[in-house]
Amino acid sequence: MPAAKQVTRPAAWVPSLYFAEGLPFVAVMTVSVILYKRLDISNADIAFYTSWLYLPWIIKPFWSPVVALLKTRRFWIIAMQLLVGAGFATVALTIPGENFFRYSLAAFWIVAFSSATHDIAADGFYILGLSEHDQAWFVGIRTTFYRLAMITGQGLLVMVAGFLESRTNDVNLSWSVVFYLLAGLFVILFAYHRHILPKPQSDTTRQIHSLSAFAKGIVETFVTFFRKKYIARILAFLLLYRFAEAQLAKLAAPFLLDERPTGGLGLSTSIVGLTYGTVGLLLLTIGGILGGFLAARHGLKHWIWWMVTAINLPNAVYVLFAYTQPESLLLINLGVGIEQFGYGLGFTAYTVFMLYVSRGSHSTAHFAICTGFMALGMMIPGMFSGWLQELLGYQHFFVWILLATVPSFAVVALLPLDAEFGRKQNR
């Protein structure tokens, strides 16, 4: 493909673009859980309602052709960043008021939908706005700044909220300020990218010559995916590999924040931000890098059992925490770090398998379908996890999490990881 005409150097916009891609996701999926816990929402309601926020990422495969056809990717990026900023401002406005839970959830859904749309446009713009050489050159930079967004959301923003809580003794005001800061940041990102993003010649609005042909193309994409050999096993893996982790992810932060008499560890908001945003994320990144190296060197078949063990076995850390309720911050950080390292290593298997499944024609669309099933596999278990925790208590709930790892091992045992898997899938 011909190199895109560059107006600005990629270094001026690739880092900020992927920082803007990662921050709304972590705010919706992680920061919202901590916010609602600090505002005394029950674990059952937190898990159930925030799990619904996965929905925009589930429907991405259906929405992505519309983004590709209507307007340019550049337009969608700029528009969605402004809409994300407006969504964060709305969250900030609703926190001090009555019925804040209902209205803030609606605002978070706007942020989630805008973020999912932004993901589609940004990934497409990355291909159109860079030459093939630069696409490879900047892949590490885009990943780094996406991770930096995770640190900012899970770590810095939560720590700022905790600092404000301790200074003002007003939880509502503290979190309102945090989301106003997020809104302001996205207004700045909107203005910056409106000015700095290049205008590649290939980033044009496509003409829809036939609505029926367009619809036929979408149908064909889905039909070819569901006609893949071993499709039942593929779907089982996509939906169940993260079955235990999907439940743990919704209750880990509430467990750390809950008071000791109720079974939690009684950590402050700032300490939770420090634990997950720095130590946890660092080891998550190391685990992911190591997983990628191992998969590239020996192949997924060689490492799959080690990886499924890595993503599941460290969940035992929370059983230990629930029964002993340690006070040592060093021990807590070590335990969370081990769990996050295991997740980073184990999630590699999921990503590599999605790439295997997506090989052949319609590879981009099929990968998007896989990510949609991934989000569905996170949403459904997460919805009932809070109710289950309140029913069982933290100790028995984390024991259940260990039992819930069995489906992960079962679907791995059924994977058709023969040497010609990719070719067989796409005949």
Protein backbone atom coordinates (compact mmCIF):
# COMPACT_ATOMS: atom_id res chain seq x y z
CA MET A 1 0.00 0.00 0.00
CA PRO A 2 1.29 3.49 -0.74
CA ALA A 3 2.62 5.49 2.13
CA ALA A 4 0.19 8.03 3.49
CA LYS A 5 0.96 11.69 3.03
CA GLN A 6 2.29 12.97 6.32
CA VAL A 7 1.49 16.43 7.59
CA THR A 8 2.98 15.91 11.02
CA ARG A 9 5.46 13.42 12.36
CA PRO A 10 3.85 10.27 13.82
CA ALA A 11 5.64 10.88 17.12
CA ALA A 12 3.47 13.96 17.54
CA TRP A 13 0.17 12.06 17.52
CA VAL A 14 0.59 8.28 17.96
CA PRO A 15 1.42 8.45 21.71
CA SER A 16 -1.41 10.85 22.55
CA LEU A 17 -3.90 8.95 20.38
CA TYR A 18 -3.34 5.66 22.20
CA PHE A 19 -3.26 7.36 25.57
CA ALA A 20 -6.71 8.72 24.66
CA GLU A 21 -7.79 5.21 23.62
CA GLY A 22 -6.81 3.54 26.88
CA LEU A 23 -7.98 6.08 29.46
CA PRO A 24 -11.77 5.87 28.89
CA PHE A 25 -11.66 2.07 28.97
CA VAL A 26 -9.93 1.91 32.34
CA ALA A 27 -12.20 4.65 33.70
CA VAL A 28 -15.33 2.73 32.68
CA MET A 29 -14.17 -0.75 33.69
CA THR A 30 -12.02 -0.14 36.76
CA VAL A 31 -12.35 3.39 38.13
CA SER A 32 -16.16 3.21 38.07
CA VAL A 33 -16.05 0.15 40.37
CA ILE A 34 -13.90 1.98 42.92
CA LEU A 35 -16.06 5.12 42.63
CA TYR A 36 -19.28 3.24 43.37
CA LYS A 37 -17.68 1.32 46.22
CA ARG A 38 -16.63 4.60 47.83
CA LEU A 39 -20.19 5.90 47.36
CA ASP A 40 -21.58 2.90 49.28
CA ILE A 41 -23.20 1.04 46.39
CA SER A 42 -23.58 -2.68 47.14
CA ASN A 43 -21.20 -5.18 45.56
CA ALA A 44 -24.13 -6.89 43.82
CA ASP A 45 -25.24 -3.66 42.14
CA ILE A 46 -21.69 -2.63 41.28
CA ALA A 47 -20.90 -5.93 39.59
CA PHE A 48 -24.23 -6.25 37.80
CA TYR A 49 -24.55 -2.74 36.41
CA THR A 50 -20.91 -2.04 35.58
CA SER A 51 -20.75 -5.37 33.72
CA TRP A 52 -23.38 -4.00 31.34
CA LEU A 53 -20.82 -1.37 30.34
CA TYR A 54 -19.05 -4.08 28.30
CA LEU A 55 -21.94 -3.97 25.83
CA PRO A 56 -20.46 -1.33 23.46
CA TRP A 57 -17.36 -3.48 23.03
CA ILE A 58 -19.54 -6.53 22.38
CA ILE A 59 -21.34 -4.81 19.52
CA LYS A 60 -18.17 -3.36 17.99
CA PRO A 61 -18.18 -5.91 15.14
CA PHE A 62 -21.66 -4.70 14.09
CA TRP A 63 -20.78 -1.02 14.43
CA SER A 64 -17.32 -1.00 12.84
CA PRO A 65 -18.55 -1.13 9.19
CA VAL A 66 -20.62 2.00 9.84
CA VAL A 67 -17.56 3.83 11.18
CA ALA A 68 -15.59 2.70 8.14
CA LEU A 69 -18.24 3.96 5.69
CA LEU A 70 -19.59 7.14 7.26
CA LYS A 71 -17.19 10.08 7.54
CA THR A 72 -13.42 9.75 7.94
CA ARG A 73 -11.56 8.01 10.75
CA ARG A 74 -10.12 11.38 11.67
CA PHE A 75 -13.62 12.79 12.11
CA TRP A 76 -14.68 9.91 14.35
CA ILE A 77 -11.56 10.23 16.52
CA ILE A 78 -12.05 13.94 17.15
CA ALA A 79 -15.81 13.70 17.64
CA MET A 80 -15.56 10.77 20.06
CA GLN A 81 -12.89 12.47 22.17
CA LEU A 82 -15.18 15.45 22.60
CA LEU A 83 -18.08 13.14 23.46
CA VAL A 84 -15.95 11.23 25.98
CA GLY A 85 -15.10 14.54 27.64
CA ALA A 86 -18.77 15.45 27.80
CA GLY A 87 -19.55 12.04 29.30
CA PHE A 88 -16.95 12.48 32.03
CA ALA A 89 -18.29 15.95 32.82
CA THR A 90 -21.77 14.46 33.13
CA VAL A 91 -20.48 11.83 35.56
CA ALA A 92 -18.93 14.62 37.64
CA LEU A 93 -22.20 16.57 37.63
CA THR A 94 -24.31 13.60 38.72
CA ILE A 95 -22.15 12.41 41.64
CA PRO A 96 -23.33 15.01 44.20
CA GLY A 97 -27.01 14.76 43.23
CA GLU A 98 -29.89 12.45 44.00
CA ASN A 99 -30.22 9.27 41.94
CA PHE A 100 -26.52 9.67 41.10
CA PHE A 101 -26.11 5.93 40.50
CA ARG A 102 -28.70 5.81 37.73
CA TYR A 103 -27.59 8.98 35.98
CA SER A 104 -23.86 8.37 36.30
CA LEU A 105 -24.31 4.88 34.83
CA ALA A 106 -26.03 6.46 31.83
CA ALA A 107 -23.11 8.86 31.46
CA PHE A 108 -20.62 5.98 31.75
CA TRP A 109 -22.51 4.17 28.99
CA ILE A 110 -22.04 7.22 26.75
CA VAL A 111 -18.33 7.15 27.55
CA ALA A 112 -18.18 3.40 26.86
CA PHE A 113 -19.93 3.68 23.49
CA SER A 114 -17.78 6.65 22.50
CA SER A 115 -14.64 4.83 23.60
CA ALA A 116 -15.50 1.67 21.63
CA THR A 117 -16.16 3.81 18.54
CA HIS A 118 -12.90 5.68 19.13
CA ASP A 119 -11.07 2.32 19.26
CA ILE A 120 -12.41 1.37 15.82
CA ALA A 121 -11.46 4.72 14.28
CA ALA A 122 -8.04 4.99 15.97
CA ASP A 123 -6.91 1.52 14.92
CA GLY A 124 -8.04 2.19 11.35
CA PHE A 125 -6.37 5.61 11.32
CA TYR A 126 -3.11 4.08 12.55
CA ILE A 127 -3.02 1.95 9.39
CA LEU A 128 -4.05 4.76 7.05
CA GLY A 129 -1.90 7.46 8.62
CA LEU A 130 1.38 5.54 8.71
CA SER A 131 3.53 3.79 6.16
CA GLU A 132 4.03 0.06 6.65
CA HIS A 133 7.51 0.73 8.04
CA ASP A 134 6.17 3.26 10.57
CA GLN A 135 3.31 0.96 11.57
CA ALA A 136 5.88 -1.60 12.74
CA TRP A 137 8.16 1.06 14.22
CA PHE A 138 5.47 2.65 16.41
CA VAL A 139 3.71 -0.51 17.62
CA GLY A 140 5.78 -0.54 20.80
CA ILE A 141 5.12 3.15 21.41
CA ARG A 142 1.35 2.78 21.03
CA THR A 143 1.36 -0.14 23.46
CA THR A 144 3.48 1.80 25.95
CA PHE A 145 1.15 4.79 25.97
CA TYR A 146 -1.91 2.57 26.22
CA ARG A 147 -0.30 1.06 29.33
CA LEU A 148 0.49 4.57 30.58
CA ALA A 149 -3.22 5.34 30.32
CA MET A 150 -3.89 2.29 32.50
CA ILE A 151 -1.44 3.58 35.11
CA THR A 152 -3.06 7.01 34.98
CA GLY A 153 -6.55 5.60 35.46
CA GLN A 154 -5.98 2.77 37.92
CA GLY A 155 -3.20 4.52 39.77
CA LEU A 156 -2.90 8.28 39.54
CA LEU A 157 -6.59 9.18 39.35
CA VAL A 158 -7.52 6.86 42.22
CA MET A 159 -4.64 8.24 44.29
CA VAL A 160 -5.78 11.80 43.58
CA ALA A 161 -9.30 10.87 44.68
CA GLY A 162 -7.90 9.34 47.86
CA PHE A 163 -5.79 12.43 48.57
CA LEU A 164 -8.81 14.69 48.12
CA GLU A 165 -10.92 12.43 50.34
CA SER A 166 -8.40 12.76 53.16
CA ARG A 167 -8.16 16.55 52.76
CA THR A 168 -11.84 17.42 52.27
CA ASN A 169 -13.59 14.54 54.09
CA ASP A 170 -16.07 14.70 51.21
CA VAL A 171 -16.09 11.60 49.00
CA ASN A 172 -18.62 13.00 46.54
CA LEU A 173 -16.71 16.23 45.99
CA SER A 174 -13.40 14.40 45.66
CA TRP A 175 -14.64 12.10 42.91
CA SER A 176 -16.47 14.93 41.14
CA VAL A 177 -13.17 16.80 40.92
CA VAL A 178 -11.45 13.72 39.49
CA PHE A 179 -14.02 13.38 36.71
CA TYR A 180 -13.94 17.09 35.96
CA LEU A 181 -10.18 16.69 35.53
CA LEU A 182 -10.80 13.82 33.12
CA ALA A 183 -13.31 15.92 31.19
CA GLY A 184 -10.84 18.78 30.92
CA LEU A 185 -8.10 16.44 29.76
CA PHE A 186 -10.28 15.16 26.92
CA VAL A 187 -11.18 18.66 25.83
CA ILE A 188 -7.44 19.31 25.56
CA LEU A 189 -6.92 16.05 23.65
CA PHE A 190 -9.80 16.97 21.33
CA ALA A 191 -8.27 20.38 20.57
CA TYR A 192 -4.78 18.94 20.16
CA HIS A 193 -5.78 16.14 17.80
CA ARG A 194 -8.05 18.41 15.79
CA HIS A 195 -4.96 20.46 15.06
CA ILE A 196 -2.22 17.84 14.88
CA LEU A 197 -3.71 14.72 13.27
CA PRO A 198 -2.67 14.36 9.62
CA LYS A 199 -5.18 14.06 6.81
CA PRO A 200 -4.14 10.95 4.85
CA GLN A 201 -5.41 10.84 1.30
CA SER A 202 -6.73 7.32 1.89
CA ASP A 203 -8.84 8.46 4.87
CA THR A 204 -11.92 9.39 2.89
CA THR A 205 -15.66 8.93 3.20
CA ARG A 206 -16.59 5.93 1.09
CA GLN A 207 -19.55 5.95 -1.21
CA ILE A 208 -22.29 3.42 -0.52
CA HIS A 209 -23.33 2.38 -4.01
CA SER A 210 -25.71 -0.32 -2.88
CA LEU A 211 -27.17 -0.78 0.57
CA SER A 212 -27.98 -4.39 -0.24
CA ALA A 213 -24.37 -5.08 -1.28
CA PHE A 214 -23.16 -3.47 1.95
CA ALA A 215 -25.51 -5.61 4.03
CA LYS A 216 -24.52 -8.70 2.05
CA GLY A 217 -20.85 -8.06 2.84
CA ILE A 218 -21.57 -7.82 6.58
CA VAL A 219 -23.63 -11.02 6.51
CA GLU A 220 -20.89 -12.83 4.60
CA THR A 221 -18.33 -11.78 7.22
CA PHE A 222 -20.36 -13.34 10.03
CA VAL A 223 -21.35 -16.43 8.04
CA THR A 224 -17.70 -17.24 7.21
CA PHE A 225 -16.79 -16.85 10.88
CA PHE A 226 -19.48 -19.20 12.16
CA ARG A 227 -18.66 -21.74 9.45
CA LYS A 228 -15.13 -22.19 10.75
CA LYS A 229 -14.16 -25.71 11.66
CA TYR A 230 -14.29 -26.36 15.43
CA ILE A 231 -16.48 -23.27 15.86
CA ALA A 232 -18.19 -24.71 18.98
CA ARG A 233 -14.81 -25.23 20.66
CA ILE A 234 -13.64 -21.80 19.57
CA LEU A 235 -16.69 -20.11 21.09
CA ALA A 236 -16.38 -22.16 24.28
CA PHE A 237 -12.78 -21.00 24.66
CA LEU A 238 -13.63 -17.35 23.97
CA LEU A 239 -16.48 -17.39 26.49
CA LEU A 240 -15.03 -19.56 29.28
CA TYR A 241 -11.25 -19.10 29.35
CA ARG A 242 -11.67 -15.97 31.53
CA PHE A 243 -14.70 -17.25 33.48
CA ALA A 244 -13.03 -17.01 36.89
CA GLU A 245 -11.09 -13.85 36.13
CA ALA A 246 -14.25 -12.07 34.95
CA GLN A 247 -15.76 -12.53 38.41
CA LEU A 248 -12.58 -11.73 40.34
CA ALA A 249 -12.04 -8.50 38.39
CA LYS A 250 -15.31 -7.02 39.68
CA LEU A 251 -14.72 -7.84 43.35
CA ALA A 252 -10.96 -7.48 43.87
CA ALA A 253 -11.00 -3.70 44.44
CA PRO A 254 -14.16 -3.76 46.64
CA PHE A 255 -12.49 -6.50 48.73
CA LEU A 256 -9.42 -4.34 49.27
CA LEU A 257 -11.59 -1.32 50.18
CA ASP A 258 -14.18 -3.02 52.42
CA GLU A 259 -13.73 -2.71 56.16
CA ARG A 260 -12.17 -5.62 58.04
CA PRO A 261 -15.31 -6.47 60.06
CA THR A 262 -17.13 -7.10 56.76
CA GLY A 263 -14.34 -9.37 55.51
CA GLY A 264 -12.27 -6.88 53.49
CA LEU A 265 -8.78 -5.52 54.01
CA GLY A 266 -9.77 -1.95 54.88
CA LEU A 267 -7.28 -0.20 52.59
CA SER A 268 -7.61 3.48 51.76
CA THR A 269 -8.49 4.69 48.26
CA SER A 270 -4.95 5.99 47.75
CA ILE A 271 -3.34 2.68 48.70
CA VAL A 272 -5.62 0.76 46.34
CA GLY A 273 -4.65 3.17 43.55
CA LEU A 274 -0.97 2.68 44.35
CA THR A 275 -1.31 -1.11 44.51
CA TYR A 276 -3.16 -1.65 41.23
CA GLY A 277 -1.87 1.33 39.29
CA THR A 278 1.83 0.83 39.90
CA VAL A 279 2.93 -2.53 41.34
CA GLY A 280 0.04 -4.48 39.81
CA LEU A 281 0.28 -2.85 36.40
CA LEU A 282 4.08 -3.18 36.26
CA LEU A 283 3.93 -6.93 36.85
CA LEU A 284 0.95 -7.25 34.50
CA THR A 285 3.06 -5.67 31.76
CA ILE A 286 6.07 -7.89 32.53
CA GLY A 287 3.84 -10.97 32.41
CA GLY A 288 2.38 -9.89 29.07
CA ILE A 289 5.80 -9.23 27.54
CA LEU A 290 7.12 -12.58 28.76
CA GLY A 291 4.03 -14.36 27.43
CA GLY A 292 4.48 -12.82 24.00
CA PHE A 293 8.15 -13.80 23.93
CA LEU A 294 7.41 -17.40 24.90
CA ALA A 295 4.53 -17.77 22.43
CA ALA A 296 6.65 -16.37 19.62
CA ARG A 297 9.58 -18.64 20.44
CA HIS A 298 7.91 -22.00 20.94
CA GLY A 299 4.30 -21.53 19.84
CA LEU A 300 1.03 -21.51 21.75
CA LYS A 301 0.69 -25.30 21.87
CA HIS A 302 3.93 -25.57 23.83
CA TRP A 303 2.93 -23.01 26.49
CA ILE A 304 -0.88 -23.15 26.65
CA TRP A 305 -1.07 -25.28 29.83
CA TRP A 306 1.46 -23.08 31.61
CA MET A 307 -0.52 -20.00 30.58
CA VAL A 308 -3.94 -21.28 31.67
CA THR A 309 -2.34 -22.21 35.00
CA ALA A 310 -0.79 -18.75 35.28
CA ILE A 311 -4.08 -16.92 34.76
CA ASN A 312 -5.94 -19.09 37.28
CA LEU A 313 -3.70 -20.46 40.03
CA PRO A 314 -2.65 -17.04 41.45
CA ASN A 315 -6.33 -16.44 42.32
CA ALA A 316 -5.48 -18.45 45.43
CA VAL A 317 -3.83 -15.24 46.70
CA TYR A 318 -7.28 -13.82 47.42
CA VAL A 319 -8.32 -16.94 49.34
CA LEU A 320 -5.24 -16.44 51.51
CA PHE A 321 -6.02 -12.74 51.95
CA ALA A 322 -9.67 -13.39 52.81
CA TYR A 323 -8.84 -15.93 55.51
CA THR A 324 -5.83 -14.15 57.06
CA GLN A 325 -6.67 -10.45 56.39
CA PRO A 326 -2.99 -9.40 56.41
CA GLU A 327 -2.06 -5.89 57.51
CA SER A 328 1.33 -5.81 55.81
CA LEU A 329 1.17 -3.57 52.72
CA LEU A 330 4.28 -5.30 51.41
CA LEU A 331 2.53 -8.68 51.53
CA ILE A 332 -0.63 -7.29 49.94
CA ASN A 333 1.32 -5.65 47.13
CA LEU A 334 3.29 -8.84 46.58
CA GLY A 335 0.11 -10.91 46.38
CA VAL A 336 -1.63 -8.54 43.97
CA GLY A 337 1.56 -8.35 41.90
CA ILE A 338 1.74 -12.16 41.61
CA GLU A 339 -1.91 -12.32 40.56
CA GLN A 340 -1.45 -9.58 37.95
CA PHE A 341 1.74 -11.16 36.61
CA GLY A 342 -0.12 -14.43 36.16
CA TYR A 343 -2.95 -12.65 34.40
CA GLY A 344 -0.54 -10.89 32.02
CA LEU A 345 1.18 -14.16 31.17
CA GLY A 346 -2.05 -16.15 30.87
CA PHE A 347 -3.91 -13.60 28.77
CA THR A 348 -1.27 -14.00 26.06
CA ALA A 349 -2.79 -17.38 25.20
CA TYR A 350 -6.15 -15.72 24.63
CA THR A 351 -4.73 -13.05 22.32
CA VAL A 352 -2.63 -15.47 20.29
CA PHE A 353 -5.56 -17.86 19.88
CA MET A 354 -7.76 -15.02 18.58
CA LEU A 355 -5.08 -14.29 16.00
CA TYR A 356 -5.07 -17.97 14.98
CA VAL A 357 -8.85 -17.95 14.60
CA SER A 358 -8.80 -14.72 12.55
CA ARG A 359 -6.34 -15.87 9.89
CA GLY A 360 -7.43 -15.76 6.28
CA SER A 361 -10.07 -13.66 4.54
CA HIS A 362 -11.95 -11.11 6.68
CA SER A 363 -9.14 -11.29 9.24
CA THR A 364 -9.77 -7.82 10.68
CA ALA A 365 -13.52 -8.34 10.98
CA HIS A 366 -13.11 -11.82 12.43
CA PHE A 367 -10.69 -10.54 15.06
CA ALA A 368 -13.30 -7.90 15.97
CA ILE A 369 -15.90 -10.66 16.34
CA CYS A 370 -13.52 -12.53 18.65
CA THR A 371 -13.09 -9.42 20.81
CA GLY A 372 -16.87 -9.10 20.96
CA PHE A 373 -17.16 -12.63 22.35
CA MET A 374 -14.33 -11.82 24.74
CA ALA A 375 -16.31 -8.87 26.11
CA LEU A 376 -19.43 -11.06 26.37
CA GLY A 377 -17.41 -13.64 28.29
CA MET A 378 -16.42 -10.91 30.75
CA MET A 379 -19.86 -9.32 31.01
CA ILE A 380 -22.05 -12.33 31.87
CA PRO A 381 -19.98 -13.82 34.73
CA GLY A 382 -19.33 -10.33 36.08
CA MET A 383 -23.03 -9.59 36.30
CA PHE A 384 -23.76 -12.24 38.93
CA SER A 385 -20.42 -12.10 40.76
CA GLY A 386 -21.44 -9.34 43.19
CA TRP A 387 -24.67 -11.11 44.12
CA LEU A 388 -22.70 -14.31 44.67
CA GLN A 389 -20.14 -12.58 46.87
CA GLU A 390 -22.83 -11.06 49.07
CA LEU A 391 -24.46 -14.48 49.37
CA LEU A 392 -21.26 -16.37 50.21
CA GLY A 393 -19.07 -13.77 51.89
CA TYR A 394 -15.54 -12.98 50.72
CA GLN A 395 -13.92 -16.17 52.02
CA HIS A 396 -16.28 -18.62 50.34
CA PHE A 397 -16.55 -16.41 47.25
CA PHE A 398 -12.81 -16.60 46.60
CA VAL A 399 -12.93 -20.37 47.14
CA TRP A 400 -15.66 -20.40 44.47
CA ILE A 401 -13.34 -18.43 42.20
CA LEU A 402 -10.82 -21.24 42.42
CA LEU A 403 -13.53 -23.77 41.53
CA ALA A 404 -14.62 -21.50 38.67
CA THR A 405 -11.23 -22.01 37.04
CA VAL A 406 -12.24 -25.55 36.01
CA PRO A 407 -14.03 -24.41 32.80
CA SER A 408 -10.82 -22.65 31.72
CA PHE A 409 -8.83 -25.87 31.91
CA ALA A 410 -11.66 -27.79 30.25
CA VAL A 411 -11.84 -25.56 27.17
CA VAL A 412 -8.05 -25.62 26.81
CA ALA A 413 -8.17 -29.43 26.79
CA LEU A 414 -10.62 -29.23 23.87
CA LEU A 415 -8.58 -26.77 21.77
CA PRO A 416 -7.60 -28.09 18.32
CA LEU A 417 -4.01 -26.83 18.57
CA ASP A 418 -2.53 -29.07 15.89
CA ALA A 419 0.23 -27.71 13.71
CA GLU A 420 -2.13 -26.89 10.85
CA PHE A 421 -4.82 -25.23 12.93
CA GLY A 422 -4.71 -21.91 11.09
CA ARG A 423 -4.93 -23.49 7.63
CA LYS A 424 -7.79 -25.77 8.60
CA GLN A 425 -9.76 -22.88 10.00
CA ASN A 426 -9.76 -20.85 6.83
CA ARG A 427 -10.24 -23.23 3.96
